[in-house]
Amino acid sequence: MFPLTGCFNRIAADTAGQRPSVGKRVRIDRGRRKHVEGTVLRHLRNPFERQYGSDAQQMLREVIGRYGYRVQIESPSHGTFWVDADNVTVL
């Protein structure tokens, strides 16, 4: 068994509330649409960003789901748009 599995499971449990998953309400903290709130429609890896780092770093990014990810947000006032997952806070 992979020795770091327990560590990744603990990190996943600790950060699950802050992962901008589908269906969660979020507020944008940085960027053009700062202070806009909406619902996450999609949570995907950013195809335009290169993924550098070791296998362990890649696994950690998968678990946390922020760096290197984008979310599609639906807002009643601004419609549907994409934003980096690092720029949102889960409400």
PDB file of N, CA and C in Angstrom:
ATOM      1  N   MET A   1       0.838  -1.186   0.000  1.00  0.00           N
ATOM      2  CA  MET A   1       0.000   0.000   0.000  1.00  0.00           C
ATOM      3  C   MET A   1       0.877   1.241   0.000  1.00  0.00           C
ATOM      4  N   PHE A   2       0.429   2.258  -0.682  1.00  0.00           N
ATOM      5  CA  PHE A   2       1.169   3.513  -0.778  1.00  0.00           C
ATOM      6  C   PHE A   2       1.237   4.151   0.607  1.00  0.00           C
ATOM      7  N   PRO A   3       2.431   4.473   1.135  1.00  0.00           N
ATOM      8  CA  PRO A   3       2.558   4.953   2.511  1.00  0.00           C
ATOM      9  C   PRO A   3       1.896   6.309   2.779  1.00  0.00           C
ATOM     10  N   LEU A   4       1.695   7.115   1.750  1.00  0.00           N
ATOM     11  CA  LEU A   4       1.109   8.439   1.968  1.00  0.00           C
ATOM     12  C   LEU A   4      -0.406   8.447   1.827  1.00  0.00           C
ATOM     13  N   THR A   5      -1.014   7.286   1.610  1.00  0.00           N
ATOM     14  CA  THR A   5      -2.458   7.237   1.418  1.00  0.00           C
ATOM     15  C   THR A   5      -3.203   7.822   2.606  1.00  0.00           C
ATOM     16  N   GLY A   6      -2.776   7.494   3.811  1.00  0.00           N
ATOM     17  CA  GLY A   6      -3.421   8.039   5.004  1.00  0.00           C
ATOM     18  C   GLY A   6      -3.324   9.548   5.082  1.00  0.00           C
ATOM     19  N   CYS A   7      -2.178  10.090   4.675  1.00  0.00           N
ATOM     20  CA  CYS A   7      -1.996  11.549   4.679  1.00  0.00           C
ATOM     21  C   CYS A   7      -2.937  12.217   3.680  1.00  0.00           C
ATOM     22  N   PHE A   8      -3.036  11.635   2.476  1.00  0.00           N
ATOM     23  CA  PHE A   8      -3.921  12.214   1.464  1.00  0.00           C
ATOM     24  C   PHE A   8      -5.382  12.114   1.884  1.00  0.00           C
ATOM     25  N   ASN A   9      -5.754  11.017   2.536  1.00  0.00           N
ATOM     26  CA  ASN A   9      -7.127  10.888   3.026  1.00  0.00           C
ATOM     27  C   ASN A   9      -7.435  11.933   4.083  1.00  0.00           C
ATOM     28  N   ARG A  10      -6.485  12.202   4.950  1.00  0.00           N
ATOM     29  CA  ARG A  10      -6.665  13.226   5.992  1.00  0.00           C
ATOM     30  C   ARG A  10      -6.782  14.608   5.355  1.00  0.00           C
ATOM     31  N   ILE A  11      -5.925  14.896   4.382  1.00  0.00           N
ATOM     32  CA  ILE A  11      -5.976  16.192   3.693  1.00  0.00           C
ATOM     33  C   ILE A  11      -7.302  16.341   2.959  1.00  0.00           C
ATOM     34  N   ALA A  12      -7.749  15.273   2.313  1.00  0.00           N
ATOM     35  CA  ALA A  12      -9.025  15.309   1.594  1.00  0.00           C
ATOM     36  C   ALA A  12     -10.178  15.602   2.547  1.00  0.00           C
ATOM     37  N   ALA A  13     -10.164  14.992   3.704  1.00  0.00           N
ATOM     38  CA  ALA A  13     -11.230  15.228   4.688  1.00  0.00           C
ATOM     39  C   ALA A  13     -11.186  16.650   5.229  1.00  0.00           C
ATOM     40  N   ASP A  14      -9.976  17.169   5.454  1.00  0.00           N
ATOM     41  CA  ASP A  14      -9.828  18.523   6.000  1.00  0.00           C
ATOM     42  C   ASP A  14     -10.216  19.603   5.000  1.00  0.00           C
ATOM     43  N   THR A  15      -9.988  19.364   3.714  1.00  0.00           N
ATOM     44  CA  THR A  15     -10.220  20.396   2.699  1.00  0.00           C
ATOM     45  C   THR A  15     -11.509  20.196   1.923  1.00  0.00           C
ATOM     46  N   ALA A  16     -12.292  19.192   2.250  1.00  0.00           N
ATOM     47  CA  ALA A  16     -13.515  18.900   1.490  1.00  0.00           C
ATOM     48  C   ALA A  16     -14.505  20.068   1.518  1.00  0.00           C
ATOM     49  N   GLY A  17     -14.581  20.769   2.610  1.00  0.00           N
ATOM     50  CA  GLY A  17     -15.505  21.895   2.708  1.00  0.00           C
ATOM     51  C   GLY A  17     -15.111  23.083   1.861  1.00  0.00           C
ATOM     52  N   GLN A  18     -13.835  23.203   1.524  1.00  0.00           N
ATOM     53  CA  GLN A  18     -13.358  24.332   0.728  1.00  0.00           C
ATOM     54  C   GLN A  18     -13.149  23.988  -0.745  1.00  0.00           C
ATOM     55  N   ARG A  19     -13.411  22.750  -1.134  1.00  0.00           N
ATOM     56  CA  ARG A  19     -13.282  22.356  -2.538  1.00  0.00           C
ATOM     57  C   ARG A  19     -14.505  22.858  -3.299  1.00  0.00           C
ATOM     58  N   PRO A  20     -14.308  23.652  -4.352  1.00  0.00           N
ATOM     59  CA  PRO A  20     -15.454  24.196  -5.100  1.00  0.00           C
ATOM     60  C   PRO A  20     -16.096  23.141  -5.997  1.00  0.00           C
ATOM     61  N   SER A  21     -16.819  22.219  -5.404  1.00  0.00           N
ATOM     62  CA  SER A  21     -17.439  21.111  -6.131  1.00  0.00           C
ATOM     63  C   SER A  21     -18.738  21.554  -6.792  1.00  0.00           C
ATOM     64  N   VAL A  22     -19.228  20.717  -7.691  1.00  0.00           N
ATOM     65  CA  VAL A  22     -20.469  20.994  -8.414  1.00  0.00           C
ATOM     66  C   VAL A  22     -21.627  21.102  -7.424  1.00  0.00           C
ATOM     67  N   GLY A  23     -22.423  22.160  -7.603  1.00  0.00           N
ATOM     68  CA  GLY A  23     -23.596  22.381  -6.768  1.00  0.00           C
ATOM     69  C   GLY A  23     -23.367  23.290  -5.577  1.00  0.00           C
ATOM     70  N   LYS A  24     -22.114  23.594  -5.240  1.00  0.00           N
ATOM     71  CA  LYS A  24     -21.841  24.455  -4.086  1.00  0.00           C
ATOM     72  C   LYS A  24     -21.970  25.927  -4.459  1.00  0.00           C
ATOM     73  N   ARG A  25     -22.355  26.742  -3.474  1.00  0.00           N
ATOM     74  CA  ARG A  25     -22.415  28.199  -3.656  1.00  0.00           C
ATOM     75  C   ARG A  25     -21.034  28.768  -3.381  1.00  0.00           C
ATOM     76  N   VAL A  26     -20.569  29.662  -4.245  1.00  0.00           N
ATOM     77  CA  VAL A  26     -19.243  30.259  -4.102  1.00  0.00           C
ATOM     78  C   VAL A  26     -19.329  31.766  -4.316  1.00  0.00           C
ATOM     79  N   ARG A  27     -18.308  32.454  -3.804  1.00  0.00           N
ATOM     80  CA  ARG A  27     -18.150  33.894  -4.029  1.00  0.00           C
ATOM     81  C   ARG A  27     -16.767  34.101  -4.637  1.00  0.00           C
ATOM     82  N   ILE A  28     -16.671  34.941  -5.638  1.00  0.00           N
ATOM     83  CA  ILE A  28     -15.400  35.212  -6.301  1.00  0.00           C
ATOM     84  C   ILE A  28     -14.670  36.291  -5.514  1.00  0.00           C
ATOM     85  N   ASP A  29     -13.396  36.017  -5.180  1.00  0.00           N
ATOM     86  CA  ASP A  29     -12.598  36.929  -4.365  1.00  0.00           C
ATOM     87  C   ASP A  29     -11.642  37.792  -5.181  1.00  0.00           C
ATOM     88  N   ARG A  30     -11.238  37.326  -6.348  1.00  0.00           N
ATOM     89  CA  ARG A  30     -10.278  38.061  -7.162  1.00  0.00           C
ATOM     90  C   ARG A  30     -10.715  38.026  -8.619  1.00  0.00           C
ATOM     91  N   GLY A  31     -10.266  39.012  -9.368  1.00  0.00           N
ATOM     92  CA  GLY A  31     -10.525  39.023 -10.797  1.00  0.00           C
ATOM     93  C   GLY A  31     -11.595  40.012 -11.205  1.00  0.00           C
ATOM     94  N   ARG A  32     -12.000  39.878 -12.446  1.00  0.00           N
ATOM     95  CA  ARG A  32     -12.932  40.818 -13.047  1.00  0.00           C
ATOM     96  C   ARG A  32     -14.310  40.794 -12.394  1.00  0.00           C
ATOM     97  N   ARG A  33     -14.744  39.653 -11.941  1.00  0.00           N
ATOM     98  CA  ARG A  33     -16.077  39.522 -11.346  1.00  0.00           C
ATOM     99  C   ARG A  33     -16.008  39.372  -9.827  1.00  0.00           C
ATOM    100  N   LYS A  34     -15.156  40.165  -9.213  1.00  0.00           N
ATOM    101  CA  LYS A  34     -14.977  40.120  -7.761  1.00  0.00           C
ATOM    102  C   LYS A  34     -16.302  40.401  -7.054  1.00  0.00           C
ATOM    103  N   HIS A  35     -16.580  39.668  -5.972  1.00  0.00           N
ATOM    104  CA  HIS A  35     -17.760  39.778  -5.112  1.00  0.00           C
ATOM    105  C   HIS A  35     -19.032  39.197  -5.734  1.00  0.00           C
ATOM    106  N   VAL A  36     -18.938  38.554  -6.899  1.00  0.00           N
ATOM    107  CA  VAL A  36     -20.107  37.917  -7.504  1.00  0.00           C
ATOM    108  C   VAL A  36     -20.297  36.546  -6.858  1.00  0.00           C
ATOM    109  N   GLU A  37     -21.532  36.205  -6.550  1.00  0.00           N
ATOM    110  CA  GLU A  37     -21.856  34.891  -5.975  1.00  0.00           C
ATOM    111  C   GLU A  37     -22.624  34.079  -6.998  1.00  0.00           C
ATOM    112  N   GLY A  38     -22.428  32.759  -6.937  1.00  0.00           N
ATOM    113  CA  GLY A  38     -23.137  31.886  -7.856  1.00  0.00           C
ATOM    114  C   GLY A  38     -22.980  30.429  -7.455  1.00  0.00           C
ATOM    115  N   THR A  39     -23.483  29.554  -8.308  1.00  0.00           N
ATOM    116  CA  THR A  39     -23.448  28.109  -8.078  1.00  0.00           C
ATOM    117  C   THR A  39     -22.491  27.467  -9.068  1.00  0.00           C
ATOM    118  N   VAL A  40     -21.684  26.521  -8.597  1.00  0.00           N
ATOM    119  CA  VAL A  40     -20.722  25.832  -9.453  1.00  0.00           C
ATOM    120  C   VAL A  40     -21.457  24.820 -10.329  1.00  0.00           C
ATOM    121  N   LEU A  41     -21.275  24.951 -11.654  1.00  0.00           N
ATOM    122  CA  LEU A  41     -21.866  24.009 -12.605  1.00  0.00           C
ATOM    123  C   LEU A  41     -20.876  22.923 -13.006  1.00  0.00           C
ATOM    124  N   ARG A  42     -19.595  23.296 -13.148  1.00  0.00           N
ATOM    125  CA  ARG A  42     -18.554  22.353 -13.538  1.00  0.00           C
ATOM    126  C   ARG A  42     -17.272  22.675 -12.793  1.00  0.00           C
ATOM    127  N   HIS A  43     -16.483  21.638 -12.538  1.00  0.00           N
ATOM    128  CA  HIS A  43     -15.187  21.768 -11.855  1.00  0.00           C
ATOM    129  C   HIS A  43     -14.207  20.884 -12.609  1.00  0.00           C
ATOM    130  N   LEU A  44     -13.340  21.509 -13.430  1.00  0.00           N
ATOM    131  CA  LEU A  44     -12.462  20.752 -14.322  1.00  0.00           C
ATOM    132  C   LEU A  44     -11.027  21.247 -14.234  1.00  0.00           C
ATOM    133  N   ARG A  45     -10.101  20.376 -14.619  1.00  0.00           N
ATOM    134  CA  ARG A  45      -8.692  20.762 -14.713  1.00  0.00           C
ATOM    135  C   ARG A  45      -8.540  21.806 -15.807  1.00  0.00           C
ATOM    136  N   ASN A  46      -7.722  22.819 -15.559  1.00  0.00           N
ATOM    137  CA  ASN A  46      -7.484  23.889 -16.518  1.00  0.00           C
ATOM    138  C   ASN A  46      -6.638  23.355 -17.670  1.00  0.00           C
ATOM    139  N   PRO A  47      -7.181  23.293 -18.888  1.00  0.00           N
ATOM    140  CA  PRO A  47      -6.414  22.748 -20.008  1.00  0.00           C
ATOM    141  C   PRO A  47      -5.313  23.689 -20.504  1.00  0.00           C
ATOM    142  N   PHE A  48      -5.346  24.946 -20.086  1.00  0.00           N
ATOM    143  CA  PHE A  48      -4.381  25.925 -20.559  1.00  0.00           C
ATOM    144  C   PHE A  48      -3.178  26.086 -19.643  1.00  0.00           C
ATOM    145  N   GLU A  49      -3.183  25.407 -18.505  1.00  0.00           N
ATOM    146  CA  GLU A  49      -2.096  25.541 -17.535  1.00  0.00           C
ATOM    147  C   GLU A  49      -1.256  24.277 -17.529  1.00  0.00           C
ATOM    148  N   ARG A  50       0.039  24.453 -17.595  1.00  0.00           N
ATOM    149  CA  ARG A  50       0.926  23.294 -17.558  1.00  0.00           C
ATOM    150  C   ARG A  50       1.004  22.758 -16.143  1.00  0.00           C
ATOM    151  N   GLN A  51       1.040  21.453 -16.034  1.00  0.00           N
ATOM    152  CA  GLN A  51       1.066  20.798 -14.734  1.00  0.00           C
ATOM    153  C   GLN A  51       2.485  20.339 -14.429  1.00  0.00           C
ATOM    154  N   TYR A  52       3.208  21.126 -13.658  1.00  0.00           N
ATOM    155  CA  TYR A  52       4.560  20.779 -13.254  1.00  0.00           C
ATOM    156  C   TYR A  52       4.532  20.140 -11.872  1.00  0.00           C
ATOM    157  N   GLY A  53       5.546  19.372 -11.556  1.00  0.00           N
ATOM    158  CA  GLY A  53       5.679  18.826 -10.218  1.00  0.00           C
ATOM    159  C   GLY A  53       5.769  17.312 -10.226  1.00  0.00           C
ATOM    160  N   SER A  54       6.024  16.779  -9.048  1.00  0.00           N
ATOM    161  CA  SER A  54       6.155  15.337  -8.877  1.00  0.00           C
ATOM    162  C   SER A  54       4.776  14.673  -8.866  1.00  0.00           C
ATOM    163  N   ASP A  55       4.768  13.360  -8.850  1.00  0.00           N
ATOM    164  CA  ASP A  55       3.505  12.620  -8.787  1.00  0.00           C
ATOM    165  C   ASP A  55       2.749  12.928  -7.501  1.00  0.00           C
ATOM    166  N   ALA A  56       3.476  13.085  -6.403  1.00  0.00           N
ATOM    167  CA  ALA A  56       2.829  13.401  -5.130  1.00  0.00           C
ATOM    168  C   ALA A  56       2.175  14.782  -5.184  1.00  0.00           C
ATOM    169  N   GLN A  57       2.826  15.747  -5.815  1.00  0.00           N
ATOM    170  CA  GLN A  57       2.245  17.076  -5.944  1.00  0.00           C
ATOM    171  C   GLN A  57       1.002  17.037  -6.829  1.00  0.00           C
ATOM    172  N   GLN A  58       1.046  16.245  -7.890  1.00  0.00           N
ATOM    173  CA  GLN A  58      -0.117  16.116  -8.760  1.00  0.00           C
ATOM    174  C   GLN A  58      -1.295  15.501  -8.005  1.00  0.00           C
ATOM    175  N   MET A  59      -1.023  14.482  -7.186  1.00  0.00           N
ATOM    176  CA  MET A  59      -2.085  13.853  -6.401  1.00  0.00           C
ATOM    177  C   MET A  59      -2.674  14.837  -5.393  1.00  0.00           C
ATOM    178  N   LEU A  60      -1.817  15.648  -4.779  1.00  0.00           N
ATOM    179  CA  LEU A  60      -2.283  16.638  -3.819  1.00  0.00           C
ATOM    180  C   LEU A  60      -3.177  17.676  -4.493  1.00  0.00           C
ATOM    181  N   ARG A  61      -2.810  18.098  -5.702  1.00  0.00           N
ATOM    182  CA  ARG A  61      -3.653  19.039  -6.451  1.00  0.00           C
ATOM    183  C   ARG A  61      -5.006  18.419  -6.778  1.00  0.00           C
ATOM    184  N   GLU A  62      -5.023  17.130  -7.110  1.00  0.00           N
ATOM    185  CA  GLU A  62      -6.280  16.442  -7.387  1.00  0.00           C
ATOM    186  C   GLU A  62      -7.163  16.420  -6.142  1.00  0.00           C
ATOM    187  N   VAL A  63      -6.559  16.161  -4.990  1.00  0.00           N
ATOM    188  CA  VAL A  63      -7.318  16.053  -3.740  1.00  0.00           C
ATOM    189  C   VAL A  63      -7.908  17.407  -3.351  1.00  0.00           C
ATOM    190  N   ILE A  64      -7.097  18.453  -3.439  1.00  0.00           N
ATOM    191  CA  ILE A  64      -7.549  19.781  -3.007  1.00  0.00           C
ATOM    192  C   ILE A  64      -8.457  20.429  -4.053  1.00  0.00           C
ATOM    193  N   GLY A  65      -8.142  20.262  -5.335  1.00  0.00           N
ATOM    194  CA  GLY A  65      -9.005  20.738  -6.401  1.00  0.00           C
ATOM    195  C   GLY A  65      -9.037  22.234  -6.603  1.00  0.00           C
ATOM    196  N   ARG A  66      -7.949  22.912  -6.318  1.00  0.00           N
ATOM    197  CA  ARG A  66      -7.913  24.354  -6.505  1.00  0.00           C
ATOM    198  C   ARG A  66      -6.863  24.768  -7.537  1.00  0.00           C
ATOM    199  N   TYR A  67      -5.581  24.611  -7.233  1.00  0.00           N
ATOM    200  CA  TYR A  67      -4.531  25.045  -8.145  1.00  0.00           C
ATOM    201  C   TYR A  67      -4.577  24.216  -9.425  1.00  0.00           C
ATOM    202  N   GLY A  68      -4.659  24.882 -10.570  1.00  0.00           N
ATOM    203  CA  GLY A  68      -4.708  24.187 -11.846  1.00  0.00           C
ATOM    204  C   GLY A  68      -6.109  23.764 -12.260  1.00  0.00           C
ATOM    205  N   TYR A  69      -7.126  24.267 -11.571  1.00  0.00           N
ATOM    206  CA  TYR A  69      -8.513  23.920 -11.891  1.00  0.00           C
ATOM    207  C   TYR A  69      -9.307  25.180 -12.197  1.00  0.00           C
ATOM    208  N   ARG A  70     -10.377  25.005 -12.959  1.00  0.00           N
ATOM    209  CA  ARG A  70     -11.307  26.090 -13.263  1.00  0.00           C
ATOM    210  C   ARG A  70     -12.712  25.620 -12.915  1.00  0.00           C
ATOM    211  N   VAL A  71     -13.551  26.572 -12.572  1.00  0.00           N
ATOM    212  CA  VAL A  71     -14.949  26.261 -12.276  1.00  0.00           C
ATOM    213  C   VAL A  71     -15.849  27.105 -13.165  1.00  0.00           C
ATOM    214  N   GLN A  72     -16.939  26.498 -13.617  1.00  0.00           N
ATOM    215  CA  GLN A  72     -17.955  27.228 -14.355  1.00  0.00           C
ATOM    216  C   GLN A  72     -19.031  27.604 -13.357  1.00  0.00           C
ATOM    217  N   ILE A  73     -19.331  28.891 -13.302  1.00  0.00           N
ATOM    218  CA  ILE A  73     -20.259  29.418 -12.301  1.00  0.00           C
ATOM    219  C   ILE A  73     -21.474  30.003 -13.005  1.00  0.00           C
ATOM    220  N   GLU A  74     -22.633  29.757 -12.406  1.00  0.00           N
ATOM    221  CA  GLU A  74     -23.870  30.365 -12.887  1.00  0.00           C
ATOM    222  C   GLU A  74     -24.345  31.356 -11.840  1.00  0.00           C
ATOM    223  N   SER A  75     -24.466  32.606 -12.257  1.00  0.00           N
ATOM    224  CA  SER A  75     -24.914  33.671 -11.373  1.00  0.00           C
ATOM    225  C   SER A  75     -26.195  34.275 -11.953  1.00  0.00           C
ATOM    226  N   PRO A  76     -27.179  34.570 -11.120  1.00  0.00           N
ATOM    227  CA  PRO A  76     -28.419  35.168 -11.636  1.00  0.00           C
ATOM    228  C   PRO A  76     -28.184  36.516 -12.317  1.00  0.00           C
ATOM    229  N   SER A  77     -27.229  37.285 -11.832  1.00  0.00           N
ATOM    230  CA  SER A  77     -27.009  38.626 -12.385  1.00  0.00           C
ATOM    231  C   SER A  77     -25.978  38.667 -13.508  1.00  0.00           C
ATOM    232  N   HIS A  78     -25.058  37.691 -13.572  1.00  0.00           N
ATOM    233  CA  HIS A  78     -23.976  37.741 -14.560  1.00  0.00           C
ATOM    234  C   HIS A  78     -23.987  36.575 -15.540  1.00  0.00           C
ATOM    235  N   GLY A  79     -24.927  35.673 -15.449  1.00  0.00           N
ATOM    236  CA  GLY A  79     -24.996  34.545 -16.375  1.00  0.00           C
ATOM    237  C   GLY A  79     -23.997  33.450 -16.006  1.00  0.00           C
ATOM    238  N   THR A  80     -23.499  32.752 -17.034  1.00  0.00           N
ATOM    239  CA  THR A  80     -22.574  31.643 -16.836  1.00  0.00           C
ATOM    240  C   THR A  80     -21.192  32.046 -17.329  1.00  0.00           C
ATOM    241  N   PHE A  81     -20.161  31.739 -16.537  1.00  0.00           N
ATOM    242  CA  PHE A  81     -18.789  32.108 -16.898  1.00  0.00           C
ATOM    243  C   PHE A  81     -17.815  31.193 -16.174  1.00  0.00           C
ATOM    244  N   TRP A  82     -16.558  31.186 -16.640  1.00  0.00           N
ATOM    245  CA  TRP A  82     -15.488  30.372 -16.050  1.00  0.00           C
ATOM    246  C   TRP A  82     -14.559  31.263 -15.230  1.00  0.00           C
ATOM    247  N   VAL A  83     -13.999  30.693 -14.144  1.00  0.00           N
ATOM    248  CA  VAL A  83     -13.046  31.410 -13.299  1.00  0.00           C
ATOM    249  C   VAL A  83     -12.103  30.374 -12.678  1.00  0.00           C
ATOM    250  N   ASP A  84     -10.880  30.802 -12.340  1.00  0.00           N
ATOM    251  CA  ASP A  84      -9.937  29.903 -11.683  1.00  0.00           C
ATOM    252  C   ASP A  84     -10.480  29.489 -10.316  1.00  0.00           C
ATOM    253  N   ALA A  85     -10.281  28.232  -9.973  1.00  0.00           N
ATOM    254  CA  ALA A  85     -10.782  27.724  -8.692  1.00  0.00           C
ATOM    255  C   ALA A  85     -10.060  28.373  -7.506  1.00  0.00           C
ATOM    256  N   ASP A  86      -8.843  28.874  -7.715  1.00  0.00           N
ATOM    257  CA  ASP A  86      -8.119  29.563  -6.643  1.00  0.00           C
ATOM    258  C   ASP A  86      -8.779  30.883  -6.273  1.00  0.00           C
ATOM    259  N   ASN A  87      -9.585  31.441  -7.169  1.00  0.00           N
ATOM    260  CA  ASN A  87     -10.157  32.760  -6.946  1.00  0.00           C
ATOM    261  C   ASN A  87     -11.533  32.733  -6.288  1.00  0.00           C
ATOM    262  N   VAL A  88     -12.004  31.573  -5.853  1.00  0.00           N
ATOM    263  CA  VAL A  88     -13.342  31.499  -5.255  1.00  0.00           C
ATOM    264  C   VAL A  88     -13.267  31.014  -3.813  1.00  0.00           C
ATOM    265  N   THR A  89     -14.288  31.385  -3.040  1.00  0.00           N
ATOM    266  CA  THR A  89     -14.458  30.906  -1.677  1.00  0.00           C
ATOM    267  C   THR A  89     -15.796  30.201  -1.595  1.00  0.00           C
ATOM    268  N   VAL A  90     -15.805  29.020  -1.007  1.00  0.00           N
ATOM    269  CA  VAL A  90     -17.047  28.276  -0.836  1.00  0.00           C
ATOM    270  C   VAL A  90     -17.821  28.881   0.323  1.00  0.00           C
ATOM    271  N   LEU A  91     -19.092  29.142   0.099  1.00  0.00           N
ATOM    272  CA  LEU A  91     -19.948  29.753   1.138  1.00  0.00           C
ATOM    273  C   LEU A  91     -20.604  28.692   1.992  1.00  0.00           C
TER     274      LEU A  91
END
